[in-house]
């Protein structure tokens, strides 16, 4: 969403995802949560299965998450916002044909063509944000990134490059390769930093009893961009008093960024 100039407070999104948000849910936050849930599902499920899954006929939206039968009325799209003659199903079929044609290409080129084709064909009128996710799924399905989804949006933001129909396909594919390289370097740096932070925090495990929740707290603060007291209490099943006693044992690695007495939260820099 940031890559598309739509800003959402990170702490609001993380707290909402962790069932610890007590504020007012605004439209951008709700949309961001939907995107986050979709990425989480994509990370947990088989990439090959998701790319080959049947799509809802009318909506033609790949990787639909938690769509219920009683949501049928919500799929009706007003003509003011959507072109009824768009024929997303036909566009999606054409994208799938291009994706199947990349089977013999190297994984990175296959992801590049899947990304470019989604932007060109636009099977969903307001779904260009799905292109990086689909490209990341292609890389994972082809065993190029077995344990993560490459954060292509971050690479795009870092390089300040955008897909443009005015560019030729060769230029667009080259831009994707640059974005992928930047994303891989950025992800590698972040993973190395998190690994070092985890090792430093794990030093505190030597002085705690066997059934301490400190190990769980370390895993939580590594897994989330930020952690609040309500979120940690809910995840670990402990009281606020017990959590406050655990936090100093993490050492100086986690940094408190709330700068207030209430609604405090910590992050790993």
C-alpha atoms as a PDB file:
ATOM      1  CA  UNK A   1       0.000   0.000   0.000  1.00  0.00           C
ATOM      2  CA  UNK A   2       2.935   2.302   0.725  1.00  0.00           C
ATOM      3  CA  UNK A   3       4.233   1.621  -2.794  1.00  0.00           C
ATOM      4  CA  UNK A   4       0.872   2.890  -4.063  1.00  0.00           C
ATOM      5  CA  UNK A   5       1.053   6.046  -1.894  1.00  0.00           C
ATOM      6  CA  UNK A   6      -1.500   4.792   0.629  1.00  0.00           C
ATOM      7  CA  UNK A   7      -0.192   5.169   4.187  1.00  0.00           C
ATOM      8  CA  UNK A   8      -1.351   3.112   7.168  1.00  0.00           C
ATOM      9  CA  UNK A   9       0.090   3.316  10.680  1.00  0.00           C
ATOM     10  CA  UNK A  10       2.216   0.188  11.151  1.00  0.00           C
ATOM     11  CA  UNK A  11       1.352  -0.098  14.842  1.00  0.00           C
ATOM     12  CA  UNK A  12      -2.390   0.001  14.065  1.00  0.00           C
ATOM     13  CA  UNK A  13      -2.050  -2.815  11.533  1.00  0.00           C
ATOM     14  CA  UNK A  14       0.092  -5.035  13.776  1.00  0.00           C
ATOM     15  CA  UNK A  15      -2.137  -4.511  16.804  1.00  0.00           C
ATOM     16  CA  UNK A  16      -5.265  -5.216  14.751  1.00  0.00           C
ATOM     17  CA  UNK A  17      -3.723  -8.415  13.402  1.00  0.00           C
ATOM     18  CA  UNK A  18      -2.778  -9.377  16.973  1.00  0.00           C
ATOM     19  CA  UNK A  19      -6.328  -8.742  18.313  1.00  0.00           C
ATOM     20  CA  UNK A  20      -5.004  -5.940  20.533  1.00  0.00           C
ATOM     21  CA  UNK A  21      -6.257  -2.853  18.649  1.00  0.00           C
ATOM     22  CA  UNK A  22      -8.618  -0.618  20.618  1.00  0.00           C
ATOM     23  CA  UNK A  23      -9.000   2.315  18.217  1.00  0.00           C
ATOM     24  CA  UNK A  24     -11.327   3.070  15.317  1.00  0.00           C
ATOM     25  CA  UNK A  25     -10.895   0.948  12.196  1.00  0.00           C
ATOM     26  CA  UNK A  26     -10.618   3.236   9.161  1.00  0.00           C
ATOM     27  CA  UNK A  27     -11.020   2.074   5.523  1.00  0.00           C
ATOM     28  CA  UNK A  28      -7.303   2.048   4.687  1.00  0.00           C
ATOM     29  CA  UNK A  29      -6.565  -0.031   7.786  1.00  0.00           C
ATOM     30  CA  UNK A  30      -9.270  -2.531   6.886  1.00  0.00           C
ATOM     31  CA  UNK A  31      -7.870  -2.859   3.359  1.00  0.00           C
ATOM     32  CA  UNK A  32      -4.343  -3.287   4.725  1.00  0.00           C
ATOM     33  CA  UNK A  33      -5.502  -6.076   7.039  1.00  0.00           C
ATOM     34  CA  UNK A  34      -7.072  -7.885   4.074  1.00  0.00           C
ATOM     35  CA  UNK A  35      -3.795  -7.669   2.138  1.00  0.00           C
ATOM     36  CA  UNK A  36      -1.816  -8.819   5.177  1.00  0.00           C
ATOM     37  CA  UNK A  37      -4.094 -11.832   5.708  1.00  0.00           C
ATOM     38  CA  UNK A  38      -3.695 -12.730   2.043  1.00  0.00           C
ATOM     39  CA  UNK A  39       0.103 -12.622   2.307  1.00  0.00           C
ATOM     40  CA  UNK A  40      -0.014 -14.682   5.504  1.00  0.00           C
ATOM     41  CA  UNK A  41      -2.108 -17.333   3.786  1.00  0.00           C
ATOM     42  CA  UNK A  42       0.228 -17.292   0.782  1.00  0.00           C
ATOM     43  CA  UNK A  43       3.191 -17.858   3.110  1.00  0.00           C
ATOM     44  CA  UNK A  44       1.541 -20.753   4.948  1.00  0.00           C
ATOM     45  CA  UNK A  45       0.040 -22.655   2.000  1.00  0.00           C
ATOM     46  CA  UNK A  46       1.701 -24.345  -0.955  1.00  0.00           C
ATOM     47  CA  UNK A  47       2.621 -21.768  -3.596  1.00  0.00           C
ATOM     48  CA  UNK A  48       2.003 -24.229  -6.448  1.00  0.00           C
ATOM     49  CA  UNK A  49      -1.437 -25.095  -5.078  1.00  0.00           C
ATOM     50  CA  UNK A  50      -2.423 -21.445  -4.720  1.00  0.00           C
ATOM     51  CA  UNK A  51      -1.323 -20.559  -8.244  1.00  0.00           C
ATOM     52  CA  UNK A  52      -3.319 -23.482  -9.652  1.00  0.00           C
ATOM     53  CA  UNK A  53      -6.407 -23.018  -7.449  1.00  0.00           C
ATOM     54  CA  UNK A  54      -9.771 -22.390  -9.165  1.00  0.00           C
ATOM     55  CA  UNK A  55     -10.923 -18.796  -8.946  1.00  0.00           C
ATOM     56  CA  UNK A  56     -14.412 -17.528  -8.094  1.00  0.00           C
ATOM     57  CA  UNK A  57     -16.053 -17.124 -11.499  1.00  0.00           C
ATOM     58  CA  UNK A  58     -17.603 -13.673 -11.160  1.00  0.00           C
ATOM     59  CA  UNK A  59     -14.899 -11.936  -9.140  1.00  0.00           C
ATOM     60  CA  UNK A  60     -11.935 -13.626 -10.897  1.00  0.00           C
ATOM     61  CA  UNK A  61      -9.689 -12.838  -7.945  1.00  0.00           C
ATOM     62  CA  UNK A  62      -6.768 -15.206  -7.286  1.00  0.00           C
ATOM     63  CA  UNK A  63      -5.983 -16.076  -3.687  1.00  0.00           C
ATOM     64  CA  UNK A  64      -9.374 -15.059  -2.356  1.00  0.00           C
ATOM     65  CA  UNK A  65      -9.320 -15.386   1.444  1.00  0.00           C
ATOM     66  CA  UNK A  66     -12.157 -16.227   3.797  1.00  0.00           C
ATOM     67  CA  UNK A  67     -14.960 -15.622   1.290  1.00  0.00           C
ATOM     68  CA  UNK A  68     -18.236 -16.960   2.687  1.00  0.00           C
ATOM     69  CA  UNK A  69     -21.442 -17.863   0.903  1.00  0.00           C
ATOM     70  CA  UNK A  70     -23.338 -15.042   2.591  1.00  0.00           C
ATOM     71  CA  UNK A  71     -20.865 -12.538   1.122  1.00  0.00           C
ATOM     72  CA  UNK A  72     -22.365 -12.909  -2.357  1.00  0.00           C
ATOM     73  CA  UNK A  73     -24.120  -9.568  -2.104  1.00  0.00           C
ATOM     74  CA  UNK A  74     -20.827  -7.862  -1.230  1.00  0.00           C
ATOM     75  CA  UNK A  75     -19.376  -8.982  -4.605  1.00  0.00           C
ATOM     76  CA  UNK A  76     -21.839  -6.864  -6.576  1.00  0.00           C
ATOM     77  CA  UNK A  77     -19.781  -4.029  -7.993  1.00  0.00           C
ATOM     78  CA  UNK A  78     -21.306  -0.621  -8.823  1.00  0.00           C
ATOM     79  CA  UNK A  79     -20.701   0.482 -12.405  1.00  0.00           C
ATOM     80  CA  UNK A  80     -19.485   3.827 -11.096  1.00  0.00           C
ATOM     81  CA  UNK A  81     -16.295   2.184  -9.800  1.00  0.00           C
ATOM     82  CA  UNK A  82     -16.037  -0.876 -12.076  1.00  0.00           C
ATOM     83  CA  UNK A  83     -16.393  -1.368 -15.813  1.00  0.00           C
ATOM     84  CA  UNK A  84     -19.054  -4.101 -16.287  1.00  0.00           C
ATOM     85  CA  UNK A  85     -17.567  -4.986 -19.699  1.00  0.00           C
ATOM     86  CA  UNK A  86     -14.094  -5.592 -18.284  1.00  0.00           C
ATOM     87  CA  UNK A  87     -14.426  -9.411 -18.528  1.00  0.00           C
ATOM     88  CA  UNK A  88     -11.998 -10.266 -15.770  1.00  0.00           C
ATOM     89  CA  UNK A  89     -12.468 -14.016 -16.293  1.00  0.00           C
ATOM     90  CA  UNK A  90     -11.178 -13.867 -19.873  1.00  0.00           C
ATOM     91  CA  UNK A  91      -8.258 -11.685 -18.809  1.00  0.00           C
ATOM     92  CA  UNK A  92      -7.460 -14.133 -16.008  1.00  0.00           C
ATOM     93  CA  UNK A  93      -7.496 -17.042 -18.488  1.00  0.00           C
ATOM     94  CA  UNK A  94      -5.006 -15.160 -20.681  1.00  0.00           C
ATOM     95  CA  UNK A  95      -2.762 -14.495 -17.666  1.00  0.00           C
ATOM     96  CA  UNK A  96      -2.843 -18.192 -16.727  1.00  0.00           C
ATOM     97  CA  UNK A  97      -1.908 -19.141 -20.296  1.00  0.00           C
ATOM     98  CA  UNK A  98       1.134 -16.852 -20.085  1.00  0.00           C
ATOM     99  CA  UNK A  99       2.029 -18.268 -16.660  1.00  0.00           C
ATOM    100  CA  UNK A 100       1.857 -21.847 -18.002  1.00  0.00           C
ATOM    101  CA  UNK A 101       4.047 -20.840 -20.965  1.00  0.00           C
ATOM    102  CA  UNK A 102       6.849 -19.831 -18.541  1.00  0.00           C
ATOM    103  CA  UNK A 103       7.254 -23.397 -17.237  1.00  0.00           C
ATOM    104  CA  UNK A 104      10.563 -23.910 -19.095  1.00  0.00           C
ATOM    105  CA  UNK A 105      12.013 -20.506 -18.216  1.00  0.00           C
ATOM    106  CA  UNK A 106      14.371 -19.894 -15.276  1.00  0.00           C
ATOM    107  CA  UNK A 107      12.399 -19.056 -12.083  1.00  0.00           C
ATOM    108  CA  UNK A 108      13.348 -15.374 -12.049  1.00  0.00           C
ATOM    109  CA  UNK A 109      12.305 -14.819 -15.660  1.00  0.00           C
ATOM    110  CA  UNK A 110       9.088 -16.780 -15.090  1.00  0.00           C
ATOM    111  CA  UNK A 111       8.260 -14.508 -12.146  1.00  0.00           C
ATOM    112  CA  UNK A 112       9.102 -11.434 -14.241  1.00  0.00           C
ATOM    113  CA  UNK A 113       6.707 -12.436 -17.038  1.00  0.00           C
ATOM    114  CA  UNK A 114       3.954 -13.345 -14.544  1.00  0.00           C
ATOM    115  CA  UNK A 115       4.384  -9.930 -12.888  1.00  0.00           C
ATOM    116  CA  UNK A 116       4.405  -8.049 -16.188  1.00  0.00           C
ATOM    117  CA  UNK A 117       1.450  -9.981 -17.615  1.00  0.00           C
ATOM    118  CA  UNK A 118      -0.692  -9.272 -14.546  1.00  0.00           C
ATOM    119  CA  UNK A 119      -0.007  -5.542 -14.907  1.00  0.00           C
ATOM    120  CA  UNK A 120      -0.671  -5.605 -18.658  1.00  0.00           C
ATOM    121  CA  UNK A 121      -3.870  -7.675 -18.575  1.00  0.00           C
ATOM    122  CA  UNK A 122      -5.252  -6.350 -15.265  1.00  0.00           C
ATOM    123  CA  UNK A 123      -7.650  -9.262 -14.564  1.00  0.00           C
ATOM    124  CA  UNK A 124      -8.891  -7.289 -11.583  1.00  0.00           C
ATOM    125  CA  UNK A 125      -9.524  -3.606 -12.156  1.00  0.00           C
ATOM    126  CA  UNK A 126      -8.285  -2.518  -8.745  1.00  0.00           C
ATOM    127  CA  UNK A 127      -5.827  -5.346  -8.181  1.00  0.00           C
ATOM    128  CA  UNK A 128      -2.379  -4.237  -9.450  1.00  0.00           C
ATOM    129  CA  UNK A 129      -1.048  -4.774  -5.906  1.00  0.00           C
ATOM    130  CA  UNK A 130      -1.432  -8.537  -6.490  1.00  0.00           C
ATOM    131  CA  UNK A 131       1.316  -8.590  -9.152  1.00  0.00           C
ATOM    132  CA  UNK A 132       4.258  -8.636  -6.680  1.00  0.00           C
ATOM    133  CA  UNK A 133       2.534 -11.314  -4.591  1.00  0.00           C
ATOM    134  CA  UNK A 134       1.960 -13.539  -7.622  1.00  0.00           C
ATOM    135  CA  UNK A 135       5.587 -13.066  -8.719  1.00  0.00           C
ATOM    136  CA  UNK A 136       6.777 -13.966  -5.210  1.00  0.00           C
ATOM    137  CA  UNK A 137       4.582 -17.080  -5.306  1.00  0.00           C
ATOM    138  CA  UNK A 138       6.112 -18.105  -8.642  1.00  0.00           C
ATOM    139  CA  UNK A 139       9.601 -17.830  -7.131  1.00  0.00           C
ATOM    140  CA  UNK A 140       8.548 -19.929  -4.171  1.00  0.00           C
ATOM    141  CA  UNK A 141       6.724 -22.511  -6.292  1.00  0.00           C
ATOM    142  CA  UNK A 142       9.890 -22.891  -8.401  1.00  0.00           C
ATOM    143  CA  UNK A 143      11.990 -23.392  -5.207  1.00  0.00           C
ATOM    144  CA  UNK A 144      13.937 -20.161  -5.711  1.00  0.00           C
ATOM    145  CA  UNK A 145      12.815 -18.826  -2.322  1.00  0.00           C
ATOM    146  CA  UNK A 146      11.723 -21.906  -0.358  1.00  0.00           C
ATOM    147  CA  UNK A 147      11.142 -20.332   3.054  1.00  0.00           C
ATOM    148  CA  UNK A 148       9.892 -16.820   2.320  1.00  0.00           C
ATOM    149  CA  UNK A 149       7.967 -14.659  -0.114  1.00  0.00           C
ATOM    150  CA  UNK A 150      10.376 -12.169  -1.646  1.00  0.00           C
ATOM    151  CA  UNK A 151       9.292  -8.615  -0.599  1.00  0.00           C
ATOM    152  CA  UNK A 152       9.227  -7.189  -4.111  1.00  0.00           C
ATOM    153  CA  UNK A 153       7.242  -4.144  -2.994  1.00  0.00           C
ATOM    154  CA  UNK A 154      10.123  -3.188  -0.710  1.00  0.00           C
ATOM    155  CA  UNK A 155      12.584  -3.479  -3.585  1.00  0.00           C
ATOM    156  CA  UNK A 156      10.312  -1.351  -5.745  1.00  0.00           C
ATOM    157  CA  UNK A 157      10.020   1.286  -3.060  1.00  0.00           C
ATOM    158  CA  UNK A 158      13.792   1.292  -2.511  1.00  0.00           C
ATOM    159  CA  UNK A 159      14.553   1.798  -6.212  1.00  0.00           C
ATOM    160  CA  UNK A 160      11.569   4.120  -6.765  1.00  0.00           C
ATOM    161  CA  UNK A 161      10.592   2.206  -9.875  1.00  0.00           C
ATOM    162  CA  UNK A 162       7.030   1.690 -11.055  1.00  0.00           C
ATOM    163  CA  UNK A 163       5.552  -0.476 -13.754  1.00  0.00           C
ATOM    164  CA  UNK A 164       4.585   1.685 -16.709  1.00  0.00           C
ATOM    165  CA  UNK A 165       2.770   0.707 -19.881  1.00  0.00           C
ATOM    166  CA  UNK A 166       4.759   3.408 -21.682  1.00  0.00           C
ATOM    167  CA  UNK A 167       7.945   1.338 -21.263  1.00  0.00           C
ATOM    168  CA  UNK A 168       8.709  -1.520 -23.620  1.00  0.00           C
ATOM    169  CA  UNK A 169       8.531  -5.069 -22.321  1.00  0.00           C
ATOM    170  CA  UNK A 170      12.320  -5.402 -22.287  1.00  0.00           C
ATOM    171  CA  UNK A 171      12.543  -2.340 -20.043  1.00  0.00           C
ATOM    172  CA  UNK A 172       9.812  -3.628 -17.733  1.00  0.00           C
ATOM    173  CA  UNK A 173      11.456  -7.056 -17.396  1.00  0.00           C
ATOM    174  CA  UNK A 174      14.821  -5.446 -16.691  1.00  0.00           C
ATOM    175  CA  UNK A 175      13.199  -3.240 -14.051  1.00  0.00           C
ATOM    176  CA  UNK A 176      11.691  -6.337 -12.414  1.00  0.00           C
ATOM    177  CA  UNK A 177      15.111  -8.002 -12.238  1.00  0.00           C
ATOM    178  CA  UNK A 178      16.534  -4.870 -10.590  1.00  0.00           C
ATOM    179  CA  UNK A 179      13.606  -4.814  -8.129  1.00  0.00           C
ATOM    180  CA  UNK A 180      14.102  -8.502  -7.306  1.00  0.00           C
ATOM    181  CA  UNK A 181      17.823  -7.982  -6.702  1.00  0.00           C
ATOM    182  CA  UNK A 182      17.139  -5.030  -4.397  1.00  0.00           C
ATOM    183  CA  UNK A 183      14.447  -6.991  -2.534  1.00  0.00           C
ATOM    184  CA  UNK A 184      16.763  -9.988  -2.065  1.00  0.00           C
ATOM    185  CA  UNK A 185      19.555  -7.784  -0.711  1.00  0.00           C
ATOM    186  CA  UNK A 186      17.147  -5.981   1.608  1.00  0.00           C
ATOM    187  CA  UNK A 187      15.619  -9.237   2.866  1.00  0.00           C
ATOM    188  CA  UNK A 188      19.050 -10.764   3.449  1.00  0.00           C
ATOM    189  CA  UNK A 189      20.181  -7.761   5.482  1.00  0.00           C
ATOM    190  CA  UNK A 190      17.003  -7.806   7.570  1.00  0.00           C
ATOM    191  CA  UNK A 191      17.166 -11.547   8.219  1.00  0.00           C
ATOM    192  CA  UNK A 192      20.810 -11.298   9.284  1.00  0.00           C
ATOM    193  CA  UNK A 193      19.960  -8.477  11.663  1.00  0.00           C
ATOM    194  CA  UNK A 194      17.040 -10.401  13.167  1.00  0.00           C
ATOM    195  CA  UNK A 195      19.211 -13.491  13.610  1.00  0.00           C
ATOM    196  CA  UNK A 196      21.825 -11.461  15.495  1.00  0.00           C
ATOM    197  CA  UNK A 197      19.125  -9.827  17.641  1.00  0.00           C
ATOM    198  CA  UNK A 198      17.642 -13.222  18.487  1.00  0.00           C
ATOM    199  CA  UNK A 199      21.046 -14.576  19.531  1.00  0.00           C
ATOM    200  CA  UNK A 200      21.586 -11.602  21.857  1.00  0.00           C
ATOM    201  CA  UNK A 201      18.153 -11.956  23.453  1.00  0.00           C
ATOM    202  CA  UNK A 202      18.592 -15.723  23.876  1.00  0.00           C
ATOM    203  CA  UNK A 203      21.513 -15.060  26.213  1.00  0.00           C
ATOM    204  CA  UNK A 204      18.898 -14.262  28.866  1.00  0.00           C
ATOM    205  CA  UNK A 205      17.537 -17.828  28.653  1.00  0.00           C
ATOM    206  CA  UNK A 206      20.499 -19.109  30.660  1.00  0.00           C
ATOM    207  CA  UNK A 207      19.257 -17.518  33.861  1.00  0.00           C
ATOM    208  CA  UNK A 208      15.535 -18.403  33.715  1.00  0.00           C
ATOM    209  CA  UNK A 209      13.711 -21.524  34.784  1.00  0.00           C
ATOM    210  CA  UNK A 210      12.829 -24.251  32.308  1.00  0.00           C
ATOM    211  CA  UNK A 211       9.129 -23.377  31.946  1.00  0.00           C
ATOM    212  CA  UNK A 212       9.664 -19.619  31.541  1.00  0.00           C
ATOM    213  CA  UNK A 213       7.749 -17.792  28.802  1.00  0.00           C
ATOM    214  CA  UNK A 214      10.868 -15.827  27.850  1.00  0.00           C
ATOM    215  CA  UNK A 215      11.601 -18.034  24.822  1.00  0.00           C
ATOM    216  CA  UNK A 216       8.052 -17.475  23.541  1.00  0.00           C
ATOM    217  CA  UNK A 217       8.404 -13.727  24.021  1.00  0.00           C
ATOM    218  CA  UNK A 218      11.653 -13.751  22.031  1.00  0.00           C
ATOM    219  CA  UNK A 219       9.990 -15.621  19.153  1.00  0.00           C
ATOM    220  CA  UNK A 220       7.072 -13.160  19.205  1.00  0.00           C
ATOM    221  CA  UNK A 221       9.198 -10.029  19.125  1.00  0.00           C
ATOM    222  CA  UNK A 222      11.256 -11.470  16.256  1.00  0.00           C
ATOM    223  CA  UNK A 223       8.130 -12.457  14.298  1.00  0.00           C
ATOM    224  CA  UNK A 224       6.292  -9.124  14.633  1.00  0.00           C
ATOM    225  CA  UNK A 225       7.393  -5.616  13.599  1.00  0.00           C
ATOM    226  CA  UNK A 226       6.322  -4.439  17.057  1.00  0.00           C
ATOM    227  CA  UNK A 227       4.842  -6.011  20.175  1.00  0.00           C
ATOM    228  CA  UNK A 228       2.526  -4.433  22.748  1.00  0.00           C
ATOM    229  CA  UNK A 229       1.746  -5.689  26.240  1.00  0.00           C
ATOM    230  CA  UNK A 230      -1.855  -6.776  25.399  1.00  0.00           C
ATOM    231  CA  UNK A 231      -0.632  -8.549  22.249  1.00  0.00           C
ATOM    232  CA  UNK A 232       2.116 -10.421  24.105  1.00  0.00           C
ATOM    233  CA  UNK A 233      -0.187 -11.325  27.008  1.00  0.00           C
ATOM    234  CA  UNK A 234      -2.751 -12.773  24.601  1.00  0.00           C
ATOM    235  CA  UNK A 235      -0.145 -14.685  22.579  1.00  0.00           C
ATOM    236  CA  UNK A 236       1.679 -16.134  25.608  1.00  0.00           C
ATOM    237  CA  UNK A 237      -1.302 -16.565  27.919  1.00  0.00           C
ATOM    238  CA  UNK A 238       0.249 -14.683  30.823  1.00  0.00           C
ATOM    239  CA  UNK A 239      -0.661 -11.658  32.938  1.00  0.00           C
ATOM    240  CA  UNK A 240       0.576  -8.123  32.412  1.00  0.00           C
ATOM    241  CA  UNK A 241       2.583  -8.307  35.638  1.00  0.00           C
ATOM    242  CA  UNK A 242       4.351 -11.474  34.477  1.00  0.00           C
ATOM    243  CA  UNK A 243       5.115  -9.904  31.095  1.00  0.00           C
ATOM    244  CA  UNK A 244       6.551  -6.748  32.657  1.00  0.00           C
ATOM    245  CA  UNK A 245       8.897  -8.968  34.664  1.00  0.00           C
ATOM    246  CA  UNK A 246      10.058 -10.731  31.494  1.00  0.00           C
ATOM    247  CA  UNK A 247      10.792  -7.668  29.361  1.00  0.00           C
ATOM    248  CA  UNK A 248      13.984  -6.575  31.236  1.00  0.00           C
ATOM    249  CA  UNK A 249      15.403 -10.085  30.706  1.00  0.00           C
ATOM    250  CA  UNK A 250      15.463  -9.447  26.960  1.00  0.00           C
ATOM    251  CA  UNK A 251      18.384  -7.085  27.495  1.00  0.00           C
ATOM    252  CA  UNK A 252      18.923  -3.890  25.571  1.00  0.00           C
ATOM    253  CA  UNK A 253      18.125  -5.311  22.119  1.00  0.00           C
ATOM    254  CA  UNK A 254      14.369  -4.511  21.963  1.00  0.00           C
ATOM    255  CA  UNK A 255      13.705  -0.786  21.796  1.00  0.00           C
ATOM    256  CA  UNK A 256      10.608   0.845  23.218  1.00  0.00           C
ATOM    257  CA  UNK A 257       9.232   3.218  20.605  1.00  0.00           C
ATOM    258  CA  UNK A 258       5.963   4.334  22.206  1.00  0.00           C
ATOM    259  CA  UNK A 259       7.580   6.848  24.620  1.00  0.00           C
ATOM    260  CA  UNK A 260       4.578   6.857  26.934  1.00  0.00           C
ATOM    261  CA  UNK A 261       3.413   5.162  30.120  1.00  0.00           C
ATOM    262  CA  UNK A 262       0.313   3.551  28.607  1.00  0.00           C
ATOM    263  CA  UNK A 263      -0.061   1.600  25.359  1.00  0.00           C
ATOM    264  CA  UNK A 264       3.667   0.818  25.270  1.00  0.00           C
ATOM    265  CA  UNK A 265       5.200  -1.302  22.521  1.00  0.00           C
ATOM    266  CA  UNK A 266       8.661  -2.560  21.587  1.00  0.00           C
ATOM    267  CA  UNK A 267      10.490  -3.418  18.384  1.00  0.00           C
ATOM    268  CA  UNK A 268      13.814  -4.876  17.252  1.00  0.00           C
ATOM    269  CA  UNK A 269      15.646  -2.071  15.399  1.00  0.00           C
END
